Amino acid sequence: MVISTTSVWDEIADEVVDGSIIEYEGATVYGDFEQEQILHQGKVRILPNSWVALPTGRLLSPEAVHHIDP
């Protein structure tokens, strides 16, 4: 096993500063087309790898999210 002594955040700091993270204050995240399955309501961050970060620290996979209404 290889363990790095540097932080992952140091590696991607340039991408984050670039503005590649999208933030919405009052968004609704849906898991289906019919908008019946609400995964989250409130503040979200869309990361450069398309994962959705919630304020609780949880991450939603791009495969689980159908769409986001800002």
Protein backbone atom coordinates (compact mmCIF):
# COMPACT_ATOMS: atom_id res chain seq x y z
CA MET A 1 0.00 0.00 0.00
CA VAL A 2 1.22 3.50 -0.83
CA ILE A 3 0.33 6.36 1.50
CA SER A 4 0.83 9.93 0.35
CA THR A 5 2.14 12.59 2.72
CA THR A 6 0.51 15.40 0.72
CA SER A 7 -3.12 16.41 0.86
CA VAL A 8 -5.42 15.60 -2.03
CA TRP A 9 -6.78 19.15 -1.76
CA ASP A 10 -3.32 20.51 -2.58
CA GLU A 11 -3.41 18.51 -5.79
CA ILE A 12 -6.75 19.90 -6.97
CA ALA A 13 -6.48 23.44 -5.54
CA ASP A 14 -5.98 24.98 -8.99
CA GLU A 15 -9.23 23.43 -10.26
CA VAL A 16 -11.20 24.73 -7.29
CA VAL A 17 -9.83 28.26 -7.65
CA ASP A 18 -10.62 28.11 -11.37
CA GLY A 19 -14.32 28.25 -10.54
CA SER A 20 -15.04 24.73 -11.70
CA ILE A 21 -17.17 24.10 -8.60
CA ILE A 22 -20.77 25.21 -9.02
CA GLU A 23 -22.76 26.16 -5.92
CA TYR A 24 -26.51 26.61 -5.50
CA GLU A 25 -28.08 27.98 -2.33
CA GLY A 26 -31.64 26.69 -2.72
CA ALA A 27 -31.57 23.77 -5.14
CA THR A 28 -33.68 20.64 -5.40
CA VAL A 29 -31.86 17.45 -6.41
CA TYR A 30 -34.05 14.84 -8.11
CA GLY A 31 -33.35 11.17 -8.61
CA ASP A 32 -35.96 10.64 -11.34
CA PHE A 33 -37.51 12.34 -14.38
CA GLU A 34 -40.99 12.58 -12.84
CA GLN A 35 -39.61 14.70 -9.97
CA GLU A 36 -41.11 12.35 -7.39
CA GLN A 37 -37.85 11.21 -5.81
CA ILE A 38 -36.28 14.21 -4.06
CA LEU A 39 -32.76 13.42 -2.90
CA HIS A 40 -32.00 16.79 -1.31
CA GLN A 41 -33.31 20.33 -0.97
CA GLY A 42 -31.08 23.25 -0.03
CA LYS A 43 -27.47 24.17 -0.60
CA VAL A 44 -25.41 21.95 -2.94
CA ARG A 45 -22.02 22.05 -4.61
CA ILE A 46 -21.34 20.34 -7.93
CA LEU A 47 -17.73 19.20 -7.97
CA PRO A 48 -15.50 19.06 -11.07
CA ASN A 49 -15.98 15.28 -11.25
CA SER A 50 -19.81 15.78 -11.35
CA TRP A 51 -20.42 14.46 -7.86
CA VAL A 52 -22.85 16.53 -5.79
CA ALA A 53 -21.62 17.58 -2.33
CA LEU A 54 -24.21 18.21 0.37
CA PRO A 55 -23.66 20.45 3.44
CA THR A 56 -23.74 17.34 5.64
CA GLY A 57 -20.57 16.05 3.98
CA ARG A 58 -22.36 13.37 1.98
CA LEU A 59 -21.68 12.98 -1.73
CA LEU A 60 -24.26 12.01 -4.32
CA SER A 61 -23.06 10.03 -7.30
CA PRO A 62 -23.73 11.49 -10.76
CA GLU A 63 -25.46 8.19 -11.56
CA ALA A 64 -27.94 8.72 -8.71
CA VAL A 65 -28.87 12.29 -9.70
CA HIS A 66 -31.26 12.77 -12.61
CA HIS A 67 -31.25 16.57 -12.53
CA ILE A 68 -30.94 19.62 -10.30
CA ASP A 69 -33.33 22.58 -10.25
CA PRO A 70 -31.42 25.61 -8.96
